Amino acid sequence: MSKDNDNDLKVNEAIPDYNRLYTVEDYHSWDETFRAELYEGTLIVSETPTIKHQKISVNLVVKIHAYLDGKPCQVFHAPVGVRLSKNEESIFEPDIIIICDESKLDKRTCNGPPDMIIEI
């Protein structure tokens, strides 16, 4: 965690502070290259996926994307945040999600349950 000024704490490295709870606003302020999820305010730092994991992910995304061509749904791969409910401080980053309601999407997050989630 680094301090840009006295009021602005940012997470930009894998040194989580387990003595505090993080918010969805904190999550959105982090550098997009910082791989992490929130579970009820607790920071969960993600490891880099293995090559085997990435091969499986790419193969699935390519096939799903081809299948969805011309249909209203879209496929996305990690890291895309998923916030199941606006009433909780949890954001997950599944490996692959399919969204059919584009109004659920903002700049970095799917707000509401995706139509499909795939974890590898």
PDB file of N, CA and C in Angstrom:
ATOM      1  N   MET A   1       0.851  -1.154   0.000  1.00  0.00           N
ATOM      2  CA  MET A   1       0.000   0.000   0.000  1.00  0.00           C
ATOM      3  C   MET A   1       0.902   1.223   0.000  1.00  0.00           C
ATOM      4  N   SER A   2       0.570   2.214  -0.805  1.00  0.00           N
ATOM      5  CA  SER A   2       1.368   3.427  -0.839  1.00  0.00           C
ATOM      6  C   SER A   2       0.493   4.620  -0.490  1.00  0.00           C
ATOM      7  N   LYS A   3       1.150   5.676  -0.110  1.00  0.00           N
ATOM      8  CA  LYS A   3       0.439   6.882   0.271  1.00  0.00           C
ATOM      9  C   LYS A   3       0.822   7.973  -0.711  1.00  0.00           C
ATOM     10  N   ASP A   4      -0.140   8.405  -1.577  1.00  0.00           N
ATOM     11  CA  ASP A   4       0.137   9.483  -2.521  1.00  0.00           C
ATOM     12  C   ASP A   4       0.097  10.839  -1.808  1.00  0.00           C
ATOM     13  N   ASN A   5      -0.830  10.997  -0.900  1.00  0.00           N
ATOM     14  CA  ASN A   5      -0.866  12.149  -0.006  1.00  0.00           C
ATOM     15  C   ASN A   5      -1.546  11.686   1.275  1.00  0.00           C
ATOM     16  N   ASP A   6      -1.710  12.554   2.236  1.00  0.00           N
ATOM     17  CA  ASP A   6      -2.204  12.131   3.541  1.00  0.00           C
ATOM     18  C   ASP A   6      -3.607  11.519   3.506  1.00  0.00           C
ATOM     19  N   ASN A   7      -4.434  11.887   2.534  1.00  0.00           N
ATOM     20  CA  ASN A   7      -5.814  11.401   2.501  1.00  0.00           C
ATOM     21  C   ASN A   7      -6.058  10.337   1.437  1.00  0.00           C
ATOM     22  N   ASP A   8      -5.047   9.961   0.678  1.00  0.00           N
ATOM     23  CA  ASP A   8      -5.258   9.096  -0.483  1.00  0.00           C
ATOM     24  C   ASP A   8      -4.390   7.851  -0.390  1.00  0.00           C
ATOM     25  N   LEU A   9      -4.960   6.752   0.128  1.00  0.00           N
ATOM     26  CA  LEU A   9      -4.248   5.485   0.182  1.00  0.00           C
ATOM     27  C   LEU A   9      -4.586   4.675  -1.049  1.00  0.00           C
ATOM     28  N   LYS A  10      -3.583   4.140  -1.712  1.00  0.00           N
ATOM     29  CA  LYS A  10      -3.818   3.322  -2.891  1.00  0.00           C
ATOM     30  C   LYS A  10      -3.105   2.002  -2.745  1.00  0.00           C
ATOM     31  N   VAL A  11      -3.741   0.950  -3.242  1.00  0.00           N
ATOM     32  CA  VAL A  11      -3.117  -0.363  -3.264  1.00  0.00           C
ATOM     33  C   VAL A  11      -2.479  -0.514  -4.631  1.00  0.00           C
ATOM     34  N   ASN A  12      -1.169  -0.699  -4.667  1.00  0.00           N
ATOM     35  CA  ASN A  12      -0.519  -0.878  -5.955  1.00  0.00           C
ATOM     36  C   ASN A  12       0.503  -2.006  -5.906  1.00  0.00           C
ATOM     37  N   GLU A  13       0.487  -2.770  -4.862  1.00  0.00           N
ATOM     38  CA  GLU A  13       1.365  -3.926  -4.765  1.00  0.00           C
ATOM     39  C   GLU A  13       0.698  -4.939  -3.845  1.00  0.00           C
ATOM     40  N   ALA A  14       1.212  -6.134  -3.852  1.00  0.00           N
ATOM     41  CA  ALA A  14       0.567  -7.229  -3.128  1.00  0.00           C
ATOM     42  C   ALA A  14       0.941  -7.246  -1.649  1.00  0.00           C
ATOM     43  N   ILE A  15       0.661  -6.155  -0.955  1.00  0.00           N
ATOM     44  CA  ILE A  15       0.876  -6.100   0.486  1.00  0.00           C
ATOM     45  C   ILE A  15      -0.445  -5.661   1.117  1.00  0.00           C
ATOM     46  N   PRO A  16      -1.379  -6.598   1.250  1.00  0.00           N
ATOM     47  CA  PRO A  16      -2.683  -6.225   1.800  1.00  0.00           C
ATOM     48  C   PRO A  16      -2.608  -5.894   3.284  1.00  0.00           C
ATOM     49  N   ASP A  17      -3.439  -4.991   3.717  1.00  0.00           N
ATOM     50  CA  ASP A  17      -3.564  -4.634   5.127  1.00  0.00           C
ATOM     51  C   ASP A  17      -4.774  -5.392   5.679  1.00  0.00           C
ATOM     52  N   TYR A  18      -4.529  -6.477   6.404  1.00  0.00           N
ATOM     53  CA  TYR A  18      -5.611  -7.303   6.911  1.00  0.00           C
ATOM     54  C   TYR A  18      -6.219  -6.737   8.196  1.00  0.00           C
ATOM     55  N   ASN A  19      -5.762  -5.578   8.619  1.00  0.00           N
ATOM     56  CA  ASN A  19      -6.321  -4.941   9.808  1.00  0.00           C
ATOM     57  C   ASN A  19      -7.437  -3.968   9.461  1.00  0.00           C
ATOM     58  N   ARG A  20      -7.816  -3.898   8.193  1.00  0.00           N
ATOM     59  CA  ARG A  20      -8.896  -2.999   7.798  1.00  0.00           C
ATOM     60  C   ARG A  20      -9.785  -3.674   6.774  1.00  0.00           C
ATOM     61  N   LEU A  21     -10.974  -3.144   6.616  1.00  0.00           N
ATOM     62  CA  LEU A  21     -11.882  -3.609   5.584  1.00  0.00           C
ATOM     63  C   LEU A  21     -11.827  -2.628   4.422  1.00  0.00           C
ATOM     64  N   TYR A  22     -11.832  -3.163   3.223  1.00  0.00           N
ATOM     65  CA  TYR A  22     -11.801  -2.342   2.015  1.00  0.00           C
ATOM     66  C   TYR A  22     -13.214  -2.181   1.480  1.00  0.00           C
ATOM     67  N   THR A  23     -13.409  -1.152   0.691  1.00  0.00           N
ATOM     68  CA  THR A  23     -14.712  -0.868   0.108  1.00  0.00           C
ATOM     69  C   THR A  23     -14.669  -1.069  -1.398  1.00  0.00           C
ATOM     70  N   VAL A  24     -15.837  -1.079  -1.998  1.00  0.00           N
ATOM     71  CA  VAL A  24     -15.923  -1.146  -3.454  1.00  0.00           C
ATOM     72  C   VAL A  24     -15.247   0.083  -4.064  1.00  0.00           C
ATOM     73  N   GLU A  25     -15.356   1.220  -3.411  1.00  0.00           N
ATOM     74  CA  GLU A  25     -14.688   2.432  -3.894  1.00  0.00           C
ATOM     75  C   GLU A  25     -13.170   2.243  -3.889  1.00  0.00           C
ATOM     76  N   ASP A  26     -12.639   1.590  -2.842  1.00  0.00           N
ATOM     77  CA  ASP A  26     -11.209   1.279  -2.820  1.00  0.00           C
ATOM     78  C   ASP A  26     -10.845   0.429  -4.035  1.00  0.00           C
ATOM     79  N   TYR A  27     -11.632  -0.624  -4.275  1.00  0.00           N
ATOM     80  CA  TYR A  27     -11.379  -1.540  -5.392  1.00  0.00           C
ATOM     81  C   TYR A  27     -11.281  -0.769  -6.707  1.00  0.00           C
ATOM     82  N   HIS A  28     -12.203   0.156  -6.924  1.00  0.00           N
ATOM     83  CA  HIS A  28     -12.217   0.913  -8.181  1.00  0.00           C
ATOM     84  C   HIS A  28     -11.075   1.917  -8.276  1.00  0.00           C
ATOM     85  N   SER A  29     -10.446   2.249  -7.155  1.00  0.00           N
ATOM     86  CA  SER A  29      -9.336   3.203  -7.191  1.00  0.00           C
ATOM     87  C   SER A  29      -7.994   2.528  -7.458  1.00  0.00           C
ATOM     88  N   TRP A  30      -7.941   1.188  -7.338  1.00  0.00           N
ATOM     89  CA  TRP A  30      -6.677   0.487  -7.505  1.00  0.00           C
ATOM     90  C   TRP A  30      -6.262   0.439  -8.952  1.00  0.00           C
ATOM     91  N   ASP A  31      -4.967   0.370  -9.149  1.00  0.00           N
ATOM     92  CA  ASP A  31      -4.384   0.206 -10.470  1.00  0.00           C
ATOM     93  C   ASP A  31      -4.982  -1.040 -11.107  1.00  0.00           C
ATOM     94  N   GLU A  32      -5.368  -0.955 -12.378  1.00  0.00           N
ATOM     95  CA  GLU A  32      -6.012  -2.078 -13.057  1.00  0.00           C
ATOM     96  C   GLU A  32      -5.121  -3.311 -13.161  1.00  0.00           C
ATOM     97  N   THR A  33      -3.828  -3.152 -12.971  1.00  0.00           N
ATOM     98  CA  THR A  33      -2.927  -4.308 -13.051  1.00  0.00           C
ATOM     99  C   THR A  33      -2.832  -5.052 -11.723  1.00  0.00           C
ATOM    100  N   PHE A  34      -3.407  -4.476 -10.666  1.00  0.00           N
ATOM    101  CA  PHE A  34      -3.388  -5.124  -9.351  1.00  0.00           C
ATOM    102  C   PHE A  34      -4.519  -6.133  -9.306  1.00  0.00           C
ATOM    103  N   ARG A  35      -4.185  -7.423  -9.293  1.00  0.00           N
ATOM    104  CA  ARG A  35      -5.191  -8.491  -9.331  1.00  0.00           C
ATOM    105  C   ARG A  35      -5.661  -8.814  -7.923  1.00  0.00           C
ATOM    106  N   ALA A  36      -6.892  -8.449  -7.645  1.00  0.00           N
ATOM    107  CA  ALA A  36      -7.431  -8.702  -6.313  1.00  0.00           C
ATOM    108  C   ALA A  36      -8.944  -8.768  -6.375  1.00  0.00           C
ATOM    109  N   GLU A  37      -9.514  -9.406  -5.351  1.00  0.00           N
ATOM    110  CA  GLU A  37     -10.948  -9.477  -5.183  1.00  0.00           C
ATOM    111  C   GLU A  37     -11.266  -9.012  -3.764  1.00  0.00           C
ATOM    112  N   LEU A  38     -12.524  -8.676  -3.546  1.00  0.00           N
ATOM    113  CA  LEU A  38     -12.997  -8.324  -2.214  1.00  0.00           C
ATOM    114  C   LEU A  38     -14.052  -9.326  -1.795  1.00  0.00           C
ATOM    115  N   TYR A  39     -13.969  -9.801  -0.573  1.00  0.00           N
ATOM    116  CA  TYR A  39     -15.037 -10.622  -0.009  1.00  0.00           C
ATOM    117  C   TYR A  39     -15.453  -9.982   1.300  1.00  0.00           C
ATOM    118  N   GLU A  40     -16.627  -9.375   1.283  1.00  0.00           N
ATOM    119  CA  GLU A  40     -17.156  -8.673   2.452  1.00  0.00           C
ATOM    120  C   GLU A  40     -16.123  -7.717   3.042  1.00  0.00           C
ATOM    121  N   GLY A  41     -15.422  -7.003   2.174  1.00  0.00           N
ATOM    122  CA  GLY A  41     -14.449  -6.009   2.593  1.00  0.00           C
ATOM    123  C   GLY A  41     -13.042  -6.532   2.801  1.00  0.00           C
ATOM    124  N   THR A  42     -12.855  -7.848   2.785  1.00  0.00           N
ATOM    125  CA  THR A  42     -11.530  -8.435   2.965  1.00  0.00           C
ATOM    126  C   THR A  42     -10.849  -8.551   1.605  1.00  0.00           C
ATOM    127  N   LEU A  43      -9.629  -8.067   1.533  1.00  0.00           N
ATOM    128  CA  LEU A  43      -8.846  -8.098   0.297  1.00  0.00           C
ATOM    129  C   LEU A  43      -8.283  -9.493   0.072  1.00  0.00           C
ATOM    130  N   ILE A  44      -8.484 -10.006  -1.132  1.00  0.00           N
ATOM    131  CA  ILE A  44      -7.939 -11.303  -1.528  1.00  0.00           C
ATOM    132  C   ILE A  44      -7.059 -11.069  -2.747  1.00  0.00           C
ATOM    133  N   VAL A  45      -5.762 -11.224  -2.565  1.00  0.00           N
ATOM    134  CA  VAL A  45      -4.814 -10.990  -3.651  1.00  0.00           C
ATOM    135  C   VAL A  45      -4.693 -12.258  -4.484  1.00  0.00           C
ATOM    136  N   SER A  46      -4.778 -12.103  -5.802  1.00  0.00           N
ATOM    137  CA  SER A  46      -4.738 -13.242  -6.711  1.00  0.00           C
ATOM    138  C   SER A  46      -3.336 -13.472  -7.250  1.00  0.00           C
ATOM    139  N   GLU A  47      -2.995 -14.737  -7.381  1.00  0.00           N
ATOM    140  CA  GLU A  47      -1.728 -15.083  -8.022  1.00  0.00           C
ATOM    141  C   GLU A  47      -1.895 -15.049  -9.537  1.00  0.00           C
ATOM    142  N   THR A  48      -0.797 -14.938 -10.230  1.00  0.00           N
ATOM    143  CA  THR A  48      -0.829 -14.986 -11.686  1.00  0.00           C
ATOM    144  C   THR A  48      -1.242 -16.380 -12.124  1.00  0.00           C
ATOM    145  N   PRO A  49      -2.183 -16.475 -13.085  1.00  0.00           N
ATOM    146  CA  PRO A  49      -2.612 -17.798 -13.550  1.00  0.00           C
ATOM    147  C   PRO A  49      -1.469 -18.549 -14.230  1.00  0.00           C
ATOM    148  N   THR A  50      -1.560 -19.880 -14.190  1.00  0.00           N
ATOM    149  CA  THR A  50      -0.545 -20.706 -14.849  1.00  0.00           C
ATOM    150  C   THR A  50      -0.754 -20.679 -16.360  1.00  0.00           C
ATOM    151  N   ILE A  51       0.243 -21.122 -17.094  1.00  0.00           N
ATOM    152  CA  ILE A  51       0.146 -21.201 -18.548  1.00  0.00           C
ATOM    153  C   ILE A  51      -0.987 -22.152 -18.943  1.00  0.00           C
ATOM    154  N   LYS A  52      -1.096 -23.293 -18.271  1.00  0.00           N
ATOM    155  CA  LYS A  52      -2.173 -24.248 -18.575  1.00  0.00           C
ATOM    156  C   LYS A  52      -3.544 -23.594 -18.374  1.00  0.00           C
ATOM    157  N   HIS A  53      -3.695 -22.866 -17.279  1.00  0.00           N
ATOM    158  CA  HIS A  53      -4.928 -22.145 -17.001  1.00  0.00           C
ATOM    159  C   HIS A  53      -5.243 -21.177 -18.131  1.00  0.00           C
ATOM    160  N   GLN A  54      -4.249 -20.417 -18.569  1.00  0.00           N
ATOM    161  CA  GLN A  54      -4.449 -19.432 -19.623  1.00  0.00           C
ATOM    162  C   GLN A  54      -4.805 -20.087 -20.959  1.00  0.00           C
ATOM    163  N   LYS A  55      -4.191 -21.224 -21.275  1.00  0.00           N
ATOM    164  CA  LYS A  55      -4.533 -21.934 -22.516  1.00  0.00           C
ATOM    165  C   LYS A  55      -5.996 -22.358 -22.509  1.00  0.00           C
ATOM    166  N   ILE A  56      -6.445 -22.918 -21.377  1.00  0.00           N
ATOM    167  CA  ILE A  56      -7.842 -23.337 -21.262  1.00  0.00           C
ATOM    168  C   ILE A  56      -8.762 -22.121 -21.403  1.00  0.00           C
ATOM    169  N   SER A  57      -8.428 -21.039 -20.721  1.00  0.00           N
ATOM    170  CA  SER A  57      -9.235 -19.832 -20.755  1.00  0.00           C
ATOM    171  C   SER A  57      -9.350 -19.279 -22.174  1.00  0.00           C
ATOM    172  N   VAL A  58      -8.237 -19.154 -22.854  1.00  0.00           N
ATOM    173  CA  VAL A  58      -8.245 -18.616 -24.226  1.00  0.00           C
ATOM    174  C   VAL A  58      -9.081 -19.501 -25.144  1.00  0.00           C
ATOM    175  N   ASN A  59      -8.896 -20.810 -25.059  1.00  0.00           N
ATOM    176  CA  ASN A  59      -9.666 -21.724 -25.905  1.00  0.00           C
ATOM    177  C   ASN A  59     -11.169 -21.572 -25.663  1.00  0.00           C
ATOM    178  N   LEU A  60     -11.573 -21.493 -24.399  1.00  0.00           N
ATOM    179  CA  LEU A  60     -12.993 -21.327 -24.091  1.00  0.00           C
ATOM    180  C   LEU A  60     -13.532 -19.987 -24.583  1.00  0.00           C
ATOM    181  N   VAL A  61     -12.789 -18.918 -24.350  1.00  0.00           N
ATOM    182  CA  VAL A  61     -13.247 -17.588 -24.767  1.00  0.00           C
ATOM    183  C   VAL A  61     -13.403 -17.524 -26.282  1.00  0.00           C
ATOM    184  N   VAL A  62     -12.454 -18.071 -27.022  1.00  0.00           N
ATOM    185  CA  VAL A  62     -12.539 -18.047 -28.487  1.00  0.00           C
ATOM    186  C   VAL A  62     -13.775 -18.802 -28.968  1.00  0.00           C
ATOM    187  N   LYS A  63     -14.013 -19.983 -28.402  1.00  0.00           N
ATOM    188  CA  LYS A  63     -15.173 -20.785 -28.824  1.00  0.00           C
ATOM    189  C   LYS A  63     -16.491 -20.131 -28.420  1.00  0.00           C
ATOM    190  N   ILE A  64     -16.552 -19.591 -27.217  1.00  0.00           N
ATOM    191  CA  ILE A  64     -17.779 -18.922 -26.766  1.00  0.00           C
ATOM    192  C   ILE A  64     -18.029 -17.668 -27.596  1.00  0.00           C
ATOM    193  N   HIS A  65     -16.980 -16.904 -27.860  1.00  0.00           N
ATOM    194  CA  HIS A  65     -17.120 -15.690 -28.662  1.00  0.00           C
ATOM    195  C   HIS A  65     -17.669 -16.031 -30.053  1.00  0.00           C
ATOM    196  N   ALA A  66     -17.146 -17.067 -30.683  1.00  0.00           N
ATOM    197  CA  ALA A  66     -17.630 -17.484 -32.003  1.00  0.00           C
ATOM    198  C   ALA A  66     -19.108 -17.898 -31.927  1.00  0.00           C
ATOM    199  N   TYR A  67     -19.467 -18.624 -30.883  1.00  0.00           N
ATOM    200  CA  TYR A  67     -20.858 -19.066 -30.722  1.00  0.00           C
ATOM    201  C   TYR A  67     -21.801 -17.878 -30.532  1.00  0.00           C
ATOM    202  N   LEU A  68     -21.358 -16.864 -29.793  1.00  0.00           N
ATOM    203  CA  LEU A  68     -22.212 -15.715 -29.486  1.00  0.00           C
ATOM    204  C   LEU A  68     -22.252 -14.673 -30.601  1.00  0.00           C
ATOM    205  N   ASP A  69     -21.453 -14.836 -31.631  1.00  0.00           N
ATOM    206  CA  ASP A  69     -21.405 -13.871 -32.730  1.00  0.00           C
ATOM    207  C   ASP A  69     -22.813 -13.660 -33.297  1.00  0.00           C
ATOM    208  N   GLY A  70     -23.257 -12.410 -33.311  1.00  0.00           N
ATOM    209  CA  GLY A  70     -24.584 -12.081 -33.816  1.00  0.00           C
ATOM    210  C   GLY A  70     -25.692 -12.209 -32.784  1.00  0.00           C
ATOM    211  N   LYS A  71     -25.364 -12.644 -31.596  1.00  0.00           N
ATOM    212  CA  LYS A  71     -26.342 -12.777 -30.514  1.00  0.00           C
ATOM    213  C   LYS A  71     -26.155 -11.600 -29.544  1.00  0.00           C
ATOM    214  N   PRO A  72     -27.137 -11.337 -28.685  1.00  0.00           N
ATOM    215  CA  PRO A  72     -27.052 -10.164 -27.802  1.00  0.00           C
ATOM    216  C   PRO A  72     -26.085 -10.319 -26.626  1.00  0.00           C
ATOM    217  N   CYS A  73     -25.565 -11.494 -26.387  1.00  0.00           N
ATOM    218  CA  CYS A  73     -24.683 -11.720 -25.240  1.00  0.00           C
ATOM    219  C   CYS A  73     -23.224 -11.491 -25.619  1.00  0.00           C
ATOM    220  N   GLN A  74     -22.405 -11.180 -24.591  1.00  0.00           N
ATOM    221  CA  GLN A  74     -20.972 -10.952 -24.781  1.00  0.00           C
ATOM    222  C   GLN A  74     -20.187 -11.791 -23.786  1.00  0.00           C
ATOM    223  N   VAL A  75     -18.987 -12.188 -24.191  1.00  0.00           N
ATOM    224  CA  VAL A  75     -18.108 -12.934 -23.293  1.00  0.00           C
ATOM    225  C   VAL A  75     -16.957 -12.026 -22.885  1.00  0.00           C
ATOM    226  N   PHE A  76     -16.565 -12.119 -21.615  1.00  0.00           N
ATOM    227  CA  PHE A  76     -15.445 -11.356 -21.074  1.00  0.00           C
ATOM    228  C   PHE A  76     -14.553 -12.291 -20.276  1.00  0.00           C
ATOM    229  N   HIS A  77     -13.259 -12.006 -20.269  1.00  0.00           N
ATOM    230  CA  HIS A  77     -12.327 -12.803 -19.470  1.00  0.00           C
ATOM    231  C   HIS A  77     -11.684 -11.926 -18.414  1.00  0.00           C
ATOM    232  N   ALA A  78     -11.159 -12.539 -17.386  1.00  0.00           N
ATOM    233  CA  ALA A  78     -10.552 -11.825 -16.264  1.00  0.00           C
ATOM    234  C   ALA A  78      -9.418 -10.930 -16.757  1.00  0.00           C
ATOM    235  N   PRO A  79      -9.240  -9.821 -16.114  1.00  0.00           N
ATOM    236  CA  PRO A  79      -9.936  -9.367 -14.915  1.00  0.00           C
ATOM    237  C   PRO A  79     -11.112  -8.440 -15.233  1.00  0.00           C
ATOM    238  N   VAL A  80     -12.304  -8.887 -14.941  1.00  0.00           N
ATOM    239  CA  VAL A  80     -13.516  -8.068 -14.953  1.00  0.00           C
ATOM    240  C   VAL A  80     -14.204  -8.314 -13.615  1.00  0.00           C
ATOM    241  N   GLY A  81     -14.442  -7.250 -12.892  1.00  0.00           N
ATOM    242  CA  GLY A  81     -15.073  -7.390 -11.586  1.00  0.00           C
ATOM    243  C   GLY A  81     -16.542  -7.732 -11.701  1.00  0.00           C
ATOM    244  N   VAL A  82     -17.028  -8.550 -10.772  1.00  0.00           N
ATOM    245  CA  VAL A  82     -18.441  -8.905 -10.694  1.00  0.00           C
ATOM    246  C   VAL A  82     -18.926  -8.563  -9.291  1.00  0.00           C
ATOM    247  N   ARG A  83     -19.905  -7.711  -9.237  1.00  0.00           N
ATOM    248  CA  ARG A  83     -20.526  -7.337  -7.961  1.00  0.00           C
ATOM    249  C   ARG A  83     -21.950  -7.879  -7.989  1.00  0.00           C
ATOM    250  N   LEU A  84     -22.191  -8.921  -7.212  1.00  0.00           N
ATOM    251  CA  LEU A  84     -23.488  -9.598  -7.258  1.00  0.00           C
ATOM    252  C   LEU A  84     -24.615  -8.746  -6.698  1.00  0.00           C
ATOM    253  N   SER A  85     -24.318  -7.912  -5.714  1.00  0.00           N
ATOM    254  CA  SER A  85     -25.335  -7.077  -5.084  1.00  0.00           C
ATOM    255  C   SER A  85     -24.713  -5.743  -4.697  1.00  0.00           C
ATOM    256  N   LYS A  86     -25.448  -4.670  -4.870  1.00  0.00           N
ATOM    257  CA  LYS A  86     -24.944  -3.356  -4.484  1.00  0.00           C
ATOM    258  C   LYS A  86     -24.929  -3.164  -2.975  1.00  0.00           C
ATOM    259  N   ASN A  87     -25.486  -4.118  -2.252  1.00  0.00           N
ATOM    260  CA  ASN A  87     -25.569  -4.015  -0.789  1.00  0.00           C
ATOM    261  C   ASN A  87     -24.409  -4.675  -0.076  1.00  0.00           C
ATOM    262  N   GLU A  88     -23.417  -5.146  -0.797  1.00  0.00           N
ATOM    263  CA  GLU A  88     -22.301  -5.819  -0.136  1.00  0.00           C
ATOM    264  C   GLU A  88     -20.975  -5.291  -0.648  1.00  0.00           C
ATOM    265  N   GLU A  89     -19.946  -5.460   0.158  1.00  0.00           N
ATOM    266  CA  GLU A  89     -18.602  -5.018  -0.199  1.00  0.00           C
ATOM    267  C   GLU A  89     -17.807  -6.192  -0.751  1.00  0.00           C
ATOM    268  N   SER A  90     -18.337  -6.821  -1.792  1.00  0.00           N
ATOM    269  CA  SER A  90     -17.665  -7.957  -2.426  1.00  0.00           C
ATOM    270  C   SER A  90     -17.612  -7.740  -3.929  1.00  0.00           C
ATOM    271  N   ILE A  91     -16.444  -7.953  -4.503  1.00  0.00           N
ATOM    272  CA  ILE A  91     -16.276  -7.945  -5.951  1.00  0.00           C
ATOM    273  C   ILE A  91     -15.379  -9.125  -6.287  1.00  0.00           C
ATOM    274  N   PHE A  92     -15.878  -9.976  -7.170  1.00  0.00           N
ATOM    275  CA  PHE A  92     -15.122 -11.151  -7.581  1.00  0.00           C
ATOM    276  C   PHE A  92     -14.639 -10.968  -9.010  1.00  0.00           C
ATOM    277  N   GLU A  93     -13.606 -11.697  -9.384  1.00  0.00           N
ATOM    278  CA  GLU A  93     -13.083 -11.658 -10.745  1.00  0.00           C
ATOM    279  C   GLU A  93     -13.040 -13.083 -11.298  1.00  0.00           C
ATOM    280  N   PRO A  94     -14.195 -13.583 -11.769  1.00  0.00           N
ATOM    281  CA  PRO A  94     -14.199 -14.928 -12.346  1.00  0.00           C
ATOM    282  C   PRO A  94     -13.327 -14.989 -13.594  1.00  0.00           C
ATOM    283  N   ASP A  95     -12.960 -16.201 -13.990  1.00  0.00           N
ATOM    284  CA  ASP A  95     -12.124 -16.358 -15.173  1.00  0.00           C
ATOM    285  C   ASP A  95     -12.840 -15.907 -16.438  1.00  0.00           C
ATOM    286  N   ILE A  96     -14.107 -16.304 -16.588  1.00  0.00           N
ATOM    287  CA  ILE A  96     -14.884 -15.963 -17.782  1.00  0.00           C
ATOM    288  C   ILE A  96     -16.313 -15.664 -17.344  1.00  0.00           C
ATOM    289  N   ILE A  97     -16.897 -14.609 -17.926  1.00  0.00           N
ATOM    290  CA  ILE A  97     -18.308 -14.324 -17.674  1.00  0.00           C
ATOM    291  C   ILE A  97     -19.011 -14.065 -19.000  1.00  0.00           C
ATOM    292  N   ILE A  98     -20.299 -14.364 -19.016  1.00  0.00           N
ATOM    293  CA  ILE A  98     -21.144 -14.036 -20.160  1.00  0.00           C
ATOM    294  C   ILE A  98     -22.234 -13.107 -19.653  1.00  0.00           C
ATOM    295  N   ILE A  99     -22.402 -11.985 -20.366  1.00  0.00           N
ATOM    296  CA  ILE A  99     -23.367 -10.960 -20.006  1.00  0.00           C
ATOM    297  C   ILE A  99     -24.309 -10.754 -21.187  1.00  0.00           C
ATOM    298  N   CYS A 100     -25.601 -10.835 -20.912  1.00  0.00           N
ATOM    299  CA  CYS A 100     -26.593 -10.596 -21.960  1.00  0.00           C
ATOM    300  C   CYS A 100     -27.314  -9.263 -21.768  1.00  0.00           C
ATOM    301  N   ASP A 101     -27.144  -8.636 -20.621  1.00  0.00           N
ATOM    302  CA  ASP A 101     -27.767  -7.346 -20.324  1.00  0.00           C
ATOM    303  C   ASP A 101     -26.656  -6.312 -20.169  1.00  0.00           C
ATOM    304  N   GLU A 102     -26.389  -5.577 -21.245  1.00  0.00           N
ATOM    305  CA  GLU A 102     -25.277  -4.628 -21.259  1.00  0.00           C
ATOM    306  C   GLU A 102     -25.429  -3.516 -20.222  1.00  0.00           C
ATOM    307  N   SER A 103     -26.648  -3.268 -19.740  1.00  0.00           N
ATOM    308  CA  SER A 103     -26.847  -2.210 -18.743  1.00  0.00           C
ATOM    309  C   SER A 103     -26.193  -2.565 -17.405  1.00  0.00           C
ATOM    310  N   LYS A 104     -25.786  -3.820 -17.203  1.00  0.00           N
ATOM    311  CA  LYS A 104     -25.102  -4.237 -15.965  1.00  0.00           C
ATOM    312  C   LYS A 104     -23.636  -3.811 -15.953  1.00  0.00           C
ATOM    313  N   LEU A 105     -23.118  -3.377 -17.095  1.00  0.00           N
ATOM    314  CA  LEU A 105     -21.686  -3.104 -17.218  1.00  0.00           C
ATOM    315  C   LEU A 105     -21.367  -1.636 -17.005  1.00  0.00           C
ATOM    316  N   ASP A 106     -20.304  -1.377 -16.229  1.00  0.00           N
ATOM    317  CA  ASP A 106     -19.711  -0.049 -16.186  1.00  0.00           C
ATOM    318  C   ASP A 106     -18.268  -0.185 -16.677  1.00  0.00           C
ATOM    319  N   LYS A 107     -17.410   0.735 -16.348  1.00  0.00           N
ATOM    320  CA  LYS A 107     -16.039   0.722 -16.880  1.00  0.00           C
ATOM    321  C   LYS A 107     -15.261  -0.547 -16.549  1.00  0.00           C
ATOM    322  N   ARG A 108     -15.400  -1.083 -15.309  1.00  0.00           N
ATOM    323  CA  ARG A 108     -14.603  -2.232 -14.867  1.00  0.00           C
ATOM    324  C   ARG A 108     -15.405  -3.373 -14.266  1.00  0.00           C
ATOM    325  N   THR A 109     -16.719  -3.193 -14.103  1.00  0.00           N
ATOM    326  CA  THR A 109     -17.478  -4.120 -13.284  1.00  0.00           C
ATOM    327  C   THR A 109     -18.809  -4.499 -13.923  1.00  0.00           C
ATOM    328  N   CYS A 110     -19.206  -5.737 -13.669  1.00  0.00           N
ATOM    329  CA  CYS A 110     -20.566  -6.192 -13.956  1.00  0.00           C
ATOM    330  C   CYS A 110     -21.337  -6.043 -12.655  1.00  0.00           C
ATOM    331  N   ASN A 111     -22.368  -5.223 -12.662  1.00  0.00           N
ATOM    332  CA  ASN A 111     -23.161  -4.953 -11.458  1.00  0.00           C
ATOM    333  C   ASN A 111     -24.441  -5.778 -11.499  1.00  0.00           C
ATOM    334  N   GLY A 112     -24.400  -6.910 -10.859  1.00  0.00           N
ATOM    335  CA  GLY A 112     -25.482  -7.877 -10.866  1.00  0.00           C
ATOM    336  C   GLY A 112     -24.937  -9.189 -11.381  1.00  0.00           C
ATOM    337  N   PRO A 113     -25.673 -10.268 -11.173  1.00  0.00           N
ATOM    338  CA  PRO A 113     -25.156 -11.564 -11.564  1.00  0.00           C
ATOM    339  C   PRO A 113     -25.022 -11.700 -13.088  1.00  0.00           C
ATOM    340  N   PRO A 114     -23.882 -12.204 -13.557  1.00  0.00           N
ATOM    341  CA  PRO A 114     -23.736 -12.498 -14.985  1.00  0.00           C
ATOM    342  C   PRO A 114     -24.683 -13.635 -15.370  1.00  0.00           C
ATOM    343  N   ASP A 115     -24.891 -13.789 -16.664  1.00  0.00           N
ATOM    344  CA  ASP A 115     -25.734 -14.877 -17.140  1.00  0.00           C
ATOM    345  C   ASP A 115     -25.003 -16.216 -17.014  1.00  0.00           C
ATOM    346  N   MET A 116     -23.677 -16.177 -17.067  1.00  0.00           N
ATOM    347  CA  MET A 116     -22.883 -17.387 -16.844  1.00  0.00           C
ATOM    348  C   MET A 116     -21.518 -16.980 -16.285  1.00  0.00           C
ATOM    349  N   ILE A 117     -21.021 -17.794 -15.365  1.00  0.00           N
ATOM    350  CA  ILE A 117     -19.671 -17.625 -14.808  1.00  0.00           C
ATOM    351  C   ILE A 117     -18.931 -18.929 -14.999  1.00  0.00           C
ATOM    352  N   ILE A 118     -17.688 -18.824 -15.472  1.00  0.00           N
ATOM    353  CA  ILE A 118     -16.835 -20.006 -15.622  1.00  0.00           C
ATOM    354  C   ILE A 118     -15.565 -19.779 -14.825  1.00  0.00           C
ATOM    355  N   GLU A 119     -15.279 -20.695 -13.920  1.00  0.00           N
ATOM    356  CA  GLU A 119     -14.030 -20.695 -13.163  1.00  0.00           C
ATOM    357  C   GLU A 119     -13.206 -21.886 -13.620  1.00  0.00           C
ATOM    358  N   ILE A 120     -11.950 -21.673 -13.859  1.00  0.00           N
ATOM    359  CA  ILE A 120     -11.061 -22.739 -14.312  1.00  0.00           C
ATOM    360  C   ILE A 120     -10.205 -23.182 -13.136  1.00  0.00           C
TER     361      ILE A 120
END
